[in-house]
Protein backbone atom coordinates (compact mmCIF):
# COMPACT_ATOMS: atom_id res chain seq x y z
CA MET A 1 0.08 -0.12 0.12
CA LYS A 2 1.99 3.32 -1.34
CA LYS A 3 -0.82 5.62 0.99
CA GLU A 4 0.81 5.49 4.29
CA LEU A 5 -2.16 3.86 7.21
CA ASN A 6 -1.45 6.83 9.25
CA HIS A 7 -3.54 8.65 6.13
CA PHE A 8 -6.37 6.20 6.19
CA LYS A 9 -6.33 5.79 10.23
CA ASP A 10 -6.99 9.95 10.22
CA LEU A 11 -9.78 9.72 6.96
CA LEU A 12 -11.21 7.06 9.44
CA SER A 13 -11.34 9.17 13.24
CA LYS A 14 -12.48 11.98 11.60
CA GLN A 15 -15.71 9.95 9.79
CA VAL A 16 -16.27 8.64 12.98
CA THR A 17 -16.05 12.28 15.14
CA GLU A 18 -18.40 13.41 12.43
CA LEU A 19 -20.32 10.07 12.49
CA GLU A 20 -21.03 11.02 16.11
CA LYS A 21 -21.89 14.36 16.46
CA GLN A 22 -24.68 13.45 13.27
CA LEU A 23 -26.24 10.86 15.37
CA ALA A 24 -26.02 12.87 18.96
CA THR A 25 -28.64 15.30 17.20
CA LEU A 26 -30.69 12.41 16.54
CA GLY A 27 -30.46 10.17 19.82
CA ARG A 28 -28.98 9.08 22.44
CA LYS A 29 -26.63 6.46 23.00
CA ASN A 30 -27.94 3.24 24.74
CA PRO A 31 -26.74 3.18 28.67
CA ASP A 32 -27.08 -0.85 27.93
CA GLU A 33 -25.55 -1.95 25.50
CA VAL A 34 -22.07 -0.04 24.05
CA GLY A 35 -22.13 0.71 20.30
CA ASP A 36 -25.56 1.29 20.31
CA TRP A 37 -27.90 4.52 19.77
CA GLN A 38 -31.54 5.16 19.97
CA ALA A 39 -33.41 7.78 18.58
CA THR A 40 -35.20 10.11 20.76
CA LYS A 41 -38.18 11.73 20.62
CA GLU A 42 -38.75 15.35 20.08
CA GLU A 43 -39.49 17.25 23.53
CA GLY A 44 -42.23 20.12 23.95
CA VAL A 45 -44.79 17.43 22.41
CA VAL A 46 -47.92 16.89 24.66
CA ASP A 47 -50.64 14.84 24.84
CA GLU A 48 -52.83 17.35 24.46
CA ALA A 49 -51.65 18.26 20.70
CA ASP A 50 -53.65 17.88 18.44
CA ASP A 51 -54.06 15.14 16.09
CA LEU A 52 -51.50 16.63 13.30
CA ASP A 53 -48.66 17.39 15.75
CA VAL A 54 -48.82 13.80 17.47
CA ALA A 55 -49.40 12.58 13.75
CA ASP A 56 -45.80 14.84 12.47
CA SER A 57 -44.51 14.04 16.02
CA ILE A 58 -44.51 10.78 15.20
CA GLY A 59 -43.51 10.71 11.52
CA GLN A 60 -40.15 12.81 12.46
CA TYR A 61 -39.52 10.25 15.09
CA GLU A 62 -39.40 7.33 12.35
CA ASN A 63 -37.37 9.24 9.97
CA ASN A 64 -34.58 9.96 12.58
CA SER A 65 -34.78 6.61 13.50
CA ALA A 66 -34.08 5.48 9.92
CA VAL A 67 -30.98 7.73 9.22
CA LEU A 68 -29.85 7.38 12.82
CA GLU A 69 -30.04 3.38 11.50
CA ASN A 70 -28.14 4.37 8.64
CA LEU A 71 -25.65 6.32 10.60
CA GLU A 72 -25.05 3.89 13.14
CA ASN A 73 -24.39 1.08 10.45
CA ARG A 74 -21.65 3.04 8.78
CA LEU A 75 -19.97 3.97 12.09
CA HIS A 76 -20.04 0.31 12.91
CA GLU A 77 -18.27 -0.14 9.29
CA VAL A 78 -15.68 2.32 9.99
CA ASN A 79 -15.36 1.27 13.55
CA HIS A 80 -14.56 -2.37 12.06
CA ALA A 81 -12.10 -0.72 9.41
CA LEU A 82 -9.92 0.75 12.73
CA LYS A 83 -10.05 -3.10 14.68
CA ARG A 84 -9.00 -4.29 11.84
CA MET A 85 -5.77 -1.60 11.12
CA ASP A 86 -5.35 -2.31 14.85
CA GLU A 87 -5.06 -6.37 13.73
CA GLY A 88 -2.86 -5.64 10.56
CA LYS A 89 -5.35 -6.65 8.63
CA TYR A 90 -6.52 -3.13 6.89
CA GLY A 91 -6.56 -2.82 3.33
CA VAL A 92 -7.03 -6.81 2.80
CA CYS A 93 -9.76 -7.97 1.07
CA GLU A 94 -12.05 -10.06 3.22
CA VAL A 95 -13.33 -12.78 0.38
CA CYS A 96 -10.35 -13.63 -1.46
CA GLU A 97 -7.56 -11.52 0.46
CA GLY A 98 -5.65 -9.69 -1.84
CA ASP A 99 -5.53 -6.28 -1.63
CA ILE A 100 -7.79 -3.51 -1.63
CA GLU A 101 -7.45 -0.81 -4.38
CA GLU A 102 -5.71 2.18 -2.97
CA ASP A 103 -9.09 4.48 -4.96
CA ARG A 104 -11.07 2.57 -3.44
CA LEU A 105 -10.01 2.87 -0.10
CA ASP A 106 -9.49 6.94 -0.95
CA ALA A 107 -13.52 6.75 -1.69
CA ASN A 108 -14.88 4.42 1.20
CA PRO A 109 -11.86 3.92 3.79
CA ALA A 110 -14.02 1.54 5.53
CA ALA A 111 -14.30 -0.80 2.23
CA THR A 112 -13.79 -4.61 3.32
CA THR A 113 -13.32 -5.84 -0.07
CA CYS A 114 -11.87 -5.15 -3.56
CA ILE A 115 -13.44 -3.77 -6.51
CA GLN A 116 -14.44 -7.28 -7.77
CA HIS A 117 -16.13 -8.48 -4.90
CA MET A 118 -17.77 -4.98 -3.75
CA LYS A 119 -20.88 -6.02 -2.09
């Protein structure tokens, strides 16, 4: 691998920071399960609110839950890449054990497969 691992570690670390910042706007860390996030309900919606306000609140919560799930999955992928780095397996395709192309890692530093074995 021509580029230093530190280059990719820096990219992945920045992604962790950004993903956690985005996740914090939609939810909170689950205190019962490490690495898990939970969507939070919008504050200020009371039981006496009219039906449209309640429906809007539920819709927003469901939307936040879906976005949160996508961000959480990406965070797991990035953390997995950092773990593979620590294990000396970063940049190695999990399918064929060949090298992952550098331009693929530039585009997606958390990639776990070469271009041939992309999911």
